[in-house]
C-alpha atoms as a PDB file:
ATOM      1  CA  MET A   1      -7.348 124.679-210.823  1.00  0.00           C
ATOM      2  CA  ASP A   2      -8.279 122.314-213.652  1.00  0.00           C
ATOM      3  CA  VAL A   3      -6.100 119.614-212.148  1.00  0.00           C
ATOM      4  CA  ARG A   4      -7.730 120.143-208.758  1.00  0.00           C
ATOM      5  CA  HIS A   5     -11.223 119.835-210.271  1.00  0.00           C
ATOM      6  CA  ALA A   6     -10.176 116.710-212.161  1.00  0.00           C
ATOM      7  CA  VAL A   7      -8.920 115.131-208.937  1.00  0.00           C
ATOM      8  CA  VAL A   8     -12.159 116.032-207.152  1.00  0.00           C
ATOM      9  CA  ARG A   9     -14.260 114.560-209.981  1.00  0.00           C
ATOM     10  CA  SER A  10     -12.135 111.420-209.971  1.00  0.00           C
ATOM     11  CA  THR A  11     -12.455 111.014-206.214  1.00  0.00           C
ATOM     12  CA  SER A  12     -16.198 111.581-206.420  1.00  0.00           C
ATOM     13  CA  ALA A  13     -16.552 108.973-209.182  1.00  0.00           C
ATOM     14  CA  VAL A  14     -14.606 106.382-207.192  1.00  0.00           C
ATOM     15  CA  SER A  15     -16.715 107.051-204.092  1.00  0.00           C
ATOM     16  CA  VAL A  16     -19.797 106.226-206.183  1.00  0.00           C
ATOM     17  CA  TRP A  17     -18.274 103.264-208.028  1.00  0.00           C
ATOM     18  CA  LEU A  18     -17.022 101.389-204.984  1.00  0.00           C
ATOM     19  CA  PRO A  19     -20.448 100.933-203.313  1.00  0.00           C
ATOM     20  CA  ALA A  20     -21.951 100.173-206.737  1.00  0.00           C
ATOM     21  CA  MET A  21     -19.302  97.499-207.365  1.00  0.00           C
ATOM     22  CA  PHE A  22     -20.017  95.971-203.980  1.00  0.00           C
ATOM     23  CA  VAL A  23     -23.766  95.820-204.665  1.00  0.00           C
ATOM     24  CA  SER A  24     -23.244  94.427-208.180  1.00  0.00           C
ATOM     25  CA  MET A  25     -21.328  91.479-206.687  1.00  0.00           C
ATOM     26  CA  ARG A  26     -24.515  90.380-204.850  1.00  0.00           C
ATOM     27  CA  PRO A  27     -22.332  89.880-201.755  1.00  0.00           C
ATOM     28  CA  VAL A  28     -24.865  87.832-199.770  1.00  0.00           C
ATOM     29  CA  SER A  29     -25.547  85.342-202.562  1.00  0.00           C
ATOM     30  CA  SER A  30     -21.845  85.140-203.411  1.00  0.00           C
ATOM     31  CA  LEU A  31     -21.013  84.589-199.743  1.00  0.00           C
ATOM     32  CA  VAL A  32     -23.535  81.746-199.598  1.00  0.00           C
ATOM     33  CA  ALA A  33     -21.789  80.077-202.562  1.00  0.00           C
ATOM     34  CA  GLY A  34     -18.391  80.485-200.917  1.00  0.00           C
ATOM     35  CA  ALA A  35     -19.693  79.183-197.593  1.00  0.00           C
ATOM     36  CA  MET A  36     -21.087  76.090-199.327  1.00  0.00           C
ATOM     37  CA  SER A  37     -17.683  75.223-200.804  1.00  0.00           C
ATOM     38  CA  SER A  38     -15.893  75.833-197.505  1.00  0.00           C
ATOM     39  CA  ALA A  39     -18.454  73.795-195.556  1.00  0.00           C
ATOM     40  CA  VAL A  40     -17.933  70.710-197.716  1.00  0.00           C
ATOM     41  CA  PHE A  41     -14.152  71.084-197.527  1.00  0.00           C
ATOM     42  CA  ILE A  42     -14.143  71.563-193.727  1.00  0.00           C
ATOM     43  CA  THR A  43     -16.444  68.569-193.188  1.00  0.00           C
ATOM     44  CA  HIS A  44     -14.111  66.200-194.997  1.00  0.00           C
ATOM     45  CA  SER A  45     -10.669  67.771-194.516  1.00  0.00           C
ATOM     46  CA  GLY A  46     -10.985  69.926-191.398  1.00  0.00           C
ATOM     47  CA  PHE A  47     -10.538  73.657-190.958  1.00  0.00           C
ATOM     48  CA  SER A  48      -7.391  75.094-192.479  1.00  0.00           C
ATOM     49  CA  GLU A  49      -6.104  77.940-194.625  1.00  0.00           C
ATOM     50  CA  SER A  50      -7.169  75.922-197.669  1.00  0.00           C
ATOM     51  CA  ALA A  51     -10.784  75.926-196.441  1.00  0.00           C
ATOM     52  CA  ILE A  52     -10.766  79.736-196.470  1.00  0.00           C
ATOM     53  CA  LEU A  53      -9.134  79.863-199.906  1.00  0.00           C
ATOM     54  CA  VAL A  54     -11.660  77.399-201.342  1.00  0.00           C
ATOM     55  CA  GLY A  55     -14.527  79.574-200.127  1.00  0.00           C
ATOM     56  CA  LEU A  56     -12.826  82.743-201.374  1.00  0.00           C
ATOM     57  CA  ALA A  57     -12.300  81.292-204.857  1.00  0.00           C
ATOM     58  CA  MET A  58     -15.977  80.404-205.177  1.00  0.00           C
ATOM     59  CA  PHE A  59     -17.012  83.760-203.691  1.00  0.00           C
ATOM     60  CA  THR A  60     -15.038  85.798-206.243  1.00  0.00           C
ATOM     61  CA  LEU A  61     -16.085  83.556-209.142  1.00  0.00           C
ATOM     62  CA  THR A  62     -19.762  83.852-208.212  1.00  0.00           C
ATOM     63  CA  SER A  63     -19.358  87.626-207.881  1.00  0.00           C
ATOM     64  CA  PHE A  64     -17.796  87.694-211.343  1.00  0.00           C
ATOM     65  CA  GLY A  65     -20.809  85.845-212.732  1.00  0.00           C
ATOM     66  CA  PHE A  66     -23.266  88.342-211.264  1.00  0.00           C
ATOM     67  CA  VAL A  67     -21.353  91.379-212.562  1.00  0.00           C
ATOM     68  CA  PHE A  68     -20.747  89.929-216.028  1.00  0.00           C
ATOM     69  CA  ASN A  69     -24.344  88.836-216.555  1.00  0.00           C
ATOM     70  CA  ASP A  70     -25.660  92.201-215.334  1.00  0.00           C
ATOM     71  CA  ILE A  71     -23.560  93.760-218.097  1.00  0.00           C
ATOM     72  CA  LEU A  72     -25.124  91.450-220.691  1.00  0.00           C
ATOM     73  CA  ASP A  73     -28.611  92.033-219.253  1.00  0.00           C
ATOM     74  CA  TYR A  74     -28.183  95.814-219.248  1.00  0.00           C
ATOM     75  CA  HIS A  75     -30.929  96.579-221.799  1.00  0.00           C
ATOM     76  CA  LYS A  76     -33.425  94.068-220.345  1.00  0.00           C
ATOM     77  CA  ASP A  77     -32.915  95.302-216.777  1.00  0.00           C
ATOM     78  CA  ALA A  78     -33.061  98.968-217.819  1.00  0.00           C
ATOM     79  CA  ALA A  79     -36.327  98.381-219.706  1.00  0.00           C
ATOM     80  CA  ALA A  80     -37.793  96.655-216.665  1.00  0.00           C
ATOM     81  CA  SER A  81     -36.614  99.500-214.378  1.00  0.00           C
ATOM     82  CA  VAL A  82     -34.537  97.050-212.333  1.00  0.00           C
ATOM     83  CA  LYS A  83     -32.650  99.063-209.719  1.00  0.00           C
ATOM     84  CA  ARG A  84     -29.211  97.550-210.130  1.00  0.00           C
ATOM     85  CA  PRO A  85     -26.040  99.675-210.403  1.00  0.00           C
ATOM     86  CA  ILE A  86     -25.289  98.770-214.024  1.00  0.00           C
ATOM     87  CA  ALA A  87     -28.877  98.939-215.288  1.00  0.00           C
ATOM     88  CA  SER A  88     -29.475 102.277-213.582  1.00  0.00           C
ATOM     89  CA  GLY A  89     -26.252 103.773-214.954  1.00  0.00           C
ATOM     90  CA  VAL A  90     -24.616 104.310-211.564  1.00  0.00           C
ATOM     91  CA  LEU A  91     -21.853 101.936-212.661  1.00  0.00           C
ATOM     92  CA  SER A  92     -20.826 102.153-216.321  1.00  0.00           C
ATOM     93  CA  ARG A  93     -20.509  98.934-218.306  1.00  0.00           C
ATOM     94  CA  LYS A  94     -16.868  99.694-219.059  1.00  0.00           C
ATOM     95  CA  VAL A  95     -15.954 100.053-215.386  1.00  0.00           C
ATOM     96  CA  ALA A  96     -18.088  97.008-214.550  1.00  0.00           C
ATOM     97  CA  MET A  97     -16.260  94.919-217.163  1.00  0.00           C
ATOM     98  CA  LEU A  98     -12.891  95.921-215.716  1.00  0.00           C
ATOM     99  CA  PHE A  99     -14.159  95.004-212.256  1.00  0.00           C
ATOM    100  CA  ALA A 100     -15.411  91.633-213.557  1.00  0.00           C
ATOM    101  CA  LEU A 101     -11.957  90.916-214.996  1.00  0.00           C
ATOM    102  CA  VAL A 102     -10.352  91.771-211.644  1.00  0.00           C
ATOM    103  CA  LEU A 103     -12.708  89.321-209.910  1.00  0.00           C
ATOM    104  CA  LEU A 104     -11.887  86.616-212.470  1.00  0.00           C
ATOM    105  CA  LEU A 105      -8.132  87.186-212.103  1.00  0.00           C
ATOM    106  CA  THR A 106      -8.536  87.046-208.323  1.00  0.00           C
ATOM    107  CA  THR A 107     -10.286  83.694-208.676  1.00  0.00           C
ATOM    108  CA  CYS A 108      -7.408  82.378-210.810  1.00  0.00           C
ATOM    109  CA  THR A 109      -4.849  83.546-208.242  1.00  0.00           C
ATOM    110  CA  VAL A 110      -6.695  82.004-205.310  1.00  0.00           C
ATOM    111  CA  SER A 111      -7.221  78.790-207.259  1.00  0.00           C
ATOM    112  CA  PHE A 112      -3.465  78.587-207.837  1.00  0.00           C
ATOM    113  CA  LEU A 113      -2.921  78.915-204.081  1.00  0.00           C
ATOM    114  CA  VAL A 114      -5.481  76.150-203.401  1.00  0.00           C
ATOM    115  CA  GLY A 115      -3.490  73.877-205.711  1.00  0.00           C
ATOM    116  CA  SER A 116      -6.349  71.793-207.129  1.00  0.00           C
ATOM    117  CA  GLY A 117      -9.862  72.107-208.474  1.00  0.00           C
ATOM    118  CA  GLY A 118      -8.913  74.681-211.097  1.00  0.00           C
ATOM    119  CA  GLN A 119     -10.614  72.683-213.840  1.00  0.00           C
ATOM    120  CA  VAL A 120     -13.891  72.811-211.897  1.00  0.00           C
ATOM    121  CA  LEU A 121     -13.658  76.600-211.588  1.00  0.00           C
ATOM    122  CA  VAL A 122     -12.957  76.878-215.329  1.00  0.00           C
ATOM    123  CA  MET A 123     -16.096  74.868-216.117  1.00  0.00           C
ATOM    124  CA  VAL A 124     -18.146  77.033-213.753  1.00  0.00           C
ATOM    125  CA  ALA A 125     -16.695  80.209-215.294  1.00  0.00           C
ATOM    126  CA  VAL A 126     -17.647  79.042-218.792  1.00  0.00           C
ATOM    127  CA  ALA A 127     -21.157  78.189-217.565  1.00  0.00           C
ATOM    128  CA  LEU A 128     -21.462  81.679-216.047  1.00  0.00           C
ATOM    129  CA  LEU A 129     -20.323  83.300-219.296  1.00  0.00           C
ATOM    130  CA  LEU A 130     -22.949  81.360-221.253  1.00  0.00           C
ATOM    131  CA  TYR A 131     -25.829  81.851-218.804  1.00  0.00           C
ATOM    132  CA  THR A 132     -27.376  85.055-220.181  1.00  0.00           C
ATOM    133  CA  PRO A 133     -27.215  83.985-223.869  1.00  0.00           C
ATOM    134  CA  PHE A 134     -28.730  80.630-222.858  1.00  0.00           C
ATOM    135  CA  ALA A 135     -31.471  82.299-220.776  1.00  0.00           C
ATOM    136  CA  HIS A 136     -32.437  84.562-223.683  1.00  0.00           C
ATOM    137  CA  GLU A 137     -32.463  81.690-226.162  1.00  0.00           C
ATOM    138  CA  PHE A 138     -34.144  79.086-223.929  1.00  0.00           C
ATOM    139  CA  PRO A 139     -35.987  81.013-221.183  1.00  0.00           C
ATOM    140  CA  LEU A 140     -38.095  78.011-220.157  1.00  0.00           C
ATOM    141  CA  MET A 141     -34.890  76.126-219.295  1.00  0.00           C
ATOM    142  CA  LYS A 142     -33.032  78.872-217.457  1.00  0.00           C
ATOM    143  CA  ASP A 143     -34.276  77.839-213.995  1.00  0.00           C
ATOM    144  CA  LEU A 144     -32.766  74.384-214.488  1.00  0.00           C
ATOM    145  CA  TYR A 145     -29.522  75.995-215.686  1.00  0.00           C
ATOM    146  CA  VAL A 146     -29.341  78.104-212.517  1.00  0.00           C
ATOM    147  CA  ALA A 147     -30.122  75.060-210.364  1.00  0.00           C
ATOM    148  CA  VAL A 148     -27.148  73.175-211.796  1.00  0.00           C
ATOM    149  CA  LEU A 149     -24.914  76.228-211.393  1.00  0.00           C
ATOM    150  CA  CYS A 150     -25.887  76.596-207.736  1.00  0.00           C
ATOM    151  CA  VAL A 151     -24.825  73.017-206.977  1.00  0.00           C
ATOM    152  CA  ALA A 152     -21.341  73.767-208.367  1.00  0.00           C
ATOM    153  CA  PRO A 153     -20.007  75.170-205.046  1.00  0.00           C
ATOM    154  CA  LEU A 154     -20.747  71.838-203.346  1.00  0.00           C
ATOM    155  CA  TYR A 155     -19.075  69.934-206.176  1.00  0.00           C
ATOM    156  CA  TYR A 156     -16.019  72.194-206.009  1.00  0.00           C
ATOM    157  CA  GLY A 157     -15.665  71.668-202.255  1.00  0.00           C
ATOM    158  CA  SER A 158     -16.029  67.904-202.721  1.00  0.00           C
ATOM    159  CA  PHE A 159     -13.533  67.823-205.582  1.00  0.00           C
ATOM    160  CA  VAL A 160     -10.824  69.730-203.712  1.00  0.00           C
ATOM    161  CA  SER A 161     -11.282  67.691-200.528  1.00  0.00           C
ATOM    162  CA  ARG A 162     -11.559  64.458-202.566  1.00  0.00           C
ATOM    163  CA  ALA A 163     -14.823  63.577-200.879  1.00  0.00           C
ATOM    164  CA  ARG A 164     -17.643  61.402-202.171  1.00  0.00           C
ATOM    165  CA  TYR A 165     -20.198  63.303-204.261  1.00  0.00           C
ATOM    166  CA  ALA A 166     -23.656  63.097-202.679  1.00  0.00           C
ATOM    167  CA  TRP A 167     -25.565  63.240-205.969  1.00  0.00           C
ATOM    168  CA  PRO A 168     -29.063  62.449-204.566  1.00  0.00           C
ATOM    169  CA  SER A 169     -28.745  65.288-202.054  1.00  0.00           C
ATOM    170  CA  TYR A 170     -27.277  67.551-204.739  1.00  0.00           C
ATOM    171  CA  ALA A 171     -30.325  66.830-206.892  1.00  0.00           C
ATOM    172  CA  LEU A 172     -32.648  67.798-204.031  1.00  0.00           C
ATOM    173  CA  LEU A 173     -30.810  71.090-203.539  1.00  0.00           C
ATOM    174  CA  ALA A 174     -30.986  71.729-207.286  1.00  0.00           C
ATOM    175  CA  LEU A 175     -34.734  71.092-207.111  1.00  0.00           C
ATOM    176  CA  PHE A 176     -35.034  73.598-204.247  1.00  0.00           C
ATOM    177  CA  ILE A 177     -33.159  76.213-206.292  1.00  0.00           C
ATOM    178  CA  ALA A 178     -35.320  75.567-209.356  1.00  0.00           C
ATOM    179  CA  GLY A 179     -38.378  76.268-207.207  1.00  0.00           C
ATOM    180  CA  ARG A 180     -36.779  79.444-205.863  1.00  0.00           C
ATOM    181  CA  GLU A 181     -36.024  80.576-209.418  1.00  0.00           C
ATOM    182  CA  ALA A 182     -39.692  80.081-210.306  1.00  0.00           C
ATOM    183  CA  LEU A 183     -40.552  82.499-207.467  1.00  0.00           C
ATOM    184  CA  MET A 184     -38.042  85.018-208.791  1.00  0.00           C
ATOM    185  CA  ASP A 185     -39.518  84.686-212.284  1.00  0.00           C
ATOM    186  CA  ALA A 186     -42.956  85.402-210.824  1.00  0.00           C
ATOM    187  CA  ASN A 187     -41.585  88.703-209.493  1.00  0.00           C
ATOM    188  CA  GLU A 188     -40.083  89.619-212.876  1.00  0.00           C
ATOM    189  CA  VAL A 189     -42.992  88.824-215.198  1.00  0.00           C
ATOM    190  CA  GLU A 190     -43.413  92.426-216.370  1.00  0.00           C
ATOM    191  CA  GLY A 191     -39.741  92.806-217.284  1.00  0.00           C
ATOM    192  CA  ASP A 192     -39.624  89.419-219.005  1.00  0.00           C
ATOM    193  CA  LEU A 193     -42.714  90.291-221.048  1.00  0.00           C
ATOM    194  CA  ARG A 194     -41.078  93.525-222.203  1.00  0.00           C
ATOM    195  CA  ALA A 195     -37.972  91.574-223.180  1.00  0.00           C
ATOM    196  CA  GLY A 196     -40.057  88.966-225.001  1.00  0.00           C
ATOM    197  CA  MET A 197     -38.859  86.121-222.739  1.00  0.00           C
ATOM    198  CA  LEU A 198     -41.284  83.230-222.249  1.00  0.00           C
ATOM    199  CA  THR A 199     -40.370  82.118-218.733  1.00  0.00           C
ATOM    200  CA  ILE A 200     -42.325  79.577-216.682  1.00  0.00           C
ATOM    201  CA  ALA A 201     -44.014  82.416-214.779  1.00  0.00           C
ATOM    202  CA  VAL A 202     -45.024  84.118-218.046  1.00  0.00           C
ATOM    203  CA  ALA A 203     -46.414  80.852-219.384  1.00  0.00           C
ATOM    204  CA  LEU A 204     -48.285  79.790-216.225  1.00  0.00           C
ATOM    205  CA  GLY A 205     -49.002  83.160-214.617  1.00  0.00           C
ATOM    206  CA  ASP A 206     -47.233  84.647-211.618  1.00  0.00           C
ATOM    207  CA  ALA A 207     -49.688  83.314-208.994  1.00  0.00           C
ATOM    208  CA  ARG A 208     -49.420  79.715-210.182  1.00  0.00           C
ATOM    209  CA  ALA A 209     -45.635  80.002-210.535  1.00  0.00           C
ATOM    210  CA  ARG A 210     -45.414  81.139-206.904  1.00  0.00           C
ATOM    211  CA  GLN A 211     -47.535  78.217-205.732  1.00  0.00           C
ATOM    212  CA  ILE A 212     -45.521  75.683-207.720  1.00  0.00           C
ATOM    213  CA  GLY A 213     -42.189  77.196-206.685  1.00  0.00           C
ATOM    214  CA  THR A 214     -43.117  77.196-202.990  1.00  0.00           C
ATOM    215  CA  CYS A 215     -44.319  73.585-203.113  1.00  0.00           C
ATOM    216  CA  ILE A 216     -41.162  72.426-204.907  1.00  0.00           C
ATOM    217  CA  MET A 217     -38.944  74.131-202.324  1.00  0.00           C
ATOM    218  CA  ALA A 218     -40.811  72.613-199.367  1.00  0.00           C
ATOM    219  CA  MET A 219     -41.016  69.136-200.906  1.00  0.00           C
ATOM    220  CA  SER A 220     -37.299  69.070-201.741  1.00  0.00           C
ATOM    221  CA  LEU A 221     -36.353  69.909-198.140  1.00  0.00           C
ATOM    222  CA  GLY A 222     -38.836  67.361-196.784  1.00  0.00           C
ATOM    223  CA  ALA A 223     -37.305  64.713-199.045  1.00  0.00           C
ATOM    224  CA  GLY A 224     -33.880  65.793-197.804  1.00  0.00           C
ATOM    225  CA  VAL A 225     -34.853  64.961-194.213  1.00  0.00           C
ATOM    226  CA  ILE A 226     -35.623  61.414-195.363  1.00  0.00           C
ATOM    227  CA  ALA A 227     -32.637  61.065-197.716  1.00  0.00           C
ATOM    228  CA  ALA A 228     -29.933  62.345-195.325  1.00  0.00           C
ATOM    229  CA  THR A 229     -27.768  59.499-194.051  1.00  0.00           C
ATOM    230  CA  SER A 230     -26.613  61.124-190.788  1.00  0.00           C
ATOM    231  CA  TRP A 231     -28.602  62.550-187.888  1.00  0.00           C
ATOM    232  CA  THR A 232     -26.778  65.863-188.281  1.00  0.00           C
ATOM    233  CA  GLY A 233     -27.838  66.024-191.922  1.00  0.00           C
ATOM    234  CA  LYS A 234     -31.431  65.175-191.040  1.00  0.00           C
ATOM    235  CA  VAL A 235     -31.539  67.877-188.357  1.00  0.00           C
ATOM    236  CA  MET A 236     -30.077  70.496-190.712  1.00  0.00           C
ATOM    237  CA  PHE A 237     -32.592  69.613-193.431  1.00  0.00           C
ATOM    238  CA  LEU A 238     -35.371  69.865-190.835  1.00  0.00           C
ATOM    239  CA  VAL A 239     -34.062  73.273-189.739  1.00  0.00           C
ATOM    240  CA  ALA A 240     -34.053  74.342-193.395  1.00  0.00           C
ATOM    241  CA  LEU A 241     -37.653  73.167-193.842  1.00  0.00           C
ATOM    242  CA  ILE A 242     -38.909  74.877-190.663  1.00  0.00           C
ATOM    243  CA  SER A 243     -37.143  78.136-191.540  1.00  0.00           C
ATOM    244  CA  LEU A 244     -38.606  78.029-195.056  1.00  0.00           C
ATOM    245  CA  LEU A 245     -42.126  77.548-193.697  1.00  0.00           C
ATOM    246  CA  GLY A 246     -41.497  80.431-191.296  1.00  0.00           C
ATOM    247  CA  VAL A 247     -40.387  82.716-194.129  1.00  0.00           C
ATOM    248  CA  PHE A 248     -43.475  81.968-196.226  1.00  0.00           C
ATOM    249  CA  SER A 249     -45.975  82.078-193.389  1.00  0.00           C
ATOM    250  CA  TRP A 250     -44.737  85.367-191.903  1.00  0.00           C
ATOM    251  CA  PRO A 251     -47.652  87.747-192.564  1.00  0.00           C
ATOM    252  CA  LYS A 252     -45.917  91.105-193.117  1.00  0.00           C
ATOM    253  CA  LEU A 253     -43.230  90.063-195.608  1.00  0.00           C
ATOM    254  CA  ASN A 254     -43.582  90.926-199.291  1.00  0.00           C
ATOM    255  CA  ASP A 255     -42.608  88.480-202.035  1.00  0.00           C
ATOM    256  CA  THR A 256     -39.228  90.120-202.674  1.00  0.00           C
ATOM    257  CA  ARG A 257     -38.261  89.857-199.023  1.00  0.00           C
ATOM    258  CA  ARG A 258     -39.414  86.226-198.850  1.00  0.00           C
ATOM    259  CA  ILE A 259     -37.186  85.359-201.801  1.00  0.00           C
ATOM    260  CA  GLU A 260     -34.223  87.104-200.170  1.00  0.00           C
ATOM    261  CA  LEU A 261     -34.738  85.291-196.856  1.00  0.00           C
ATOM    262  CA  SER A 262     -35.085  81.925-198.617  1.00  0.00           C
ATOM    263  CA  ARG A 263     -31.276  81.994-198.912  1.00  0.00           C
ATOM    264  CA  LEU A 264     -31.188  80.987-195.235  1.00  0.00           C
ATOM    265  CA  PRO A 265     -32.925  77.602-195.644  1.00  0.00           C
ATOM    266  CA  MET A 266     -30.885  77.091-198.836  1.00  0.00           C
ATOM    267  CA  LEU A 267     -27.677  77.563-196.839  1.00  0.00           C
ATOM    268  CA  ALA A 268     -28.947  75.238-194.090  1.00  0.00           C
ATOM    269  CA  ALA A 269     -29.697  72.589-196.735  1.00  0.00           C
ATOM    270  CA  ALA A 270     -26.185  73.022-198.150  1.00  0.00           C
ATOM    271  CA  PHE A 271     -24.685  72.403-194.697  1.00  0.00           C
ATOM    272  CA  ALA A 272     -26.967  69.376-194.345  1.00  0.00           C
ATOM    273  CA  ILE A 273     -25.534  67.952-197.566  1.00  0.00           C
ATOM    274  CA  ALA A 274     -21.997  68.710-196.393  1.00  0.00           C
ATOM    275  CA  ARG A 275     -22.640  66.715-193.205  1.00  0.00           C
ATOM    276  CA  GLY A 276     -24.181  63.857-195.168  1.00  0.00           C
END
């Protein structure tokens, strides 16, 4: 009977952990990162098994970063009543750490199958490990840190496919992401105040941070339309700009939903950069 109850409890725990693990990976954001790497690779080397592996490596590495940093941010997120699996206790930190290690090992395995670019993934992994300590120590600089991190998938795709690095376009995408991070900070002012973190939104106020973040995002995409060297790139940047304006002008969306949907113009901009 005791064995039967133990099996039932174990099965019940796993049924709770699996959805929590999936959510903690931030699957949509991680998929965007993977798609960015694959898009650059496919543009310059064509579609192949390697294109899928390149995207998978970046997907699992990005997922690792989200899980690991949620573990480090456990106390801050819990104090701010952030409804994430680890902060809410649905997924224990011990189980989450084991899951993060599995994701990291998966990235290493896939990278081995790709055959190149491993050094780029190592650098990104180190940057992900250092993100939370850096954000706590230098909160005013964390948006820039995230912006650089979010350009890494494009760099990885370029490195593996041995393509030219479009640094001006990368800088514009980084600027877009920095603006998006300012919006996210504006939504997390209360939690950051409790944690004693002086973010840009805390320093300027959430309303001003939203205005600045929105303007930066729109201006970066507008500049991308001008900077793109191909008509395909220009069209994709224009699509990104129009979709962004649609997201922020839609009357019934709240700020959280707007931030979530801003991934779409970000992805369109990434494809624009991949096309040149």
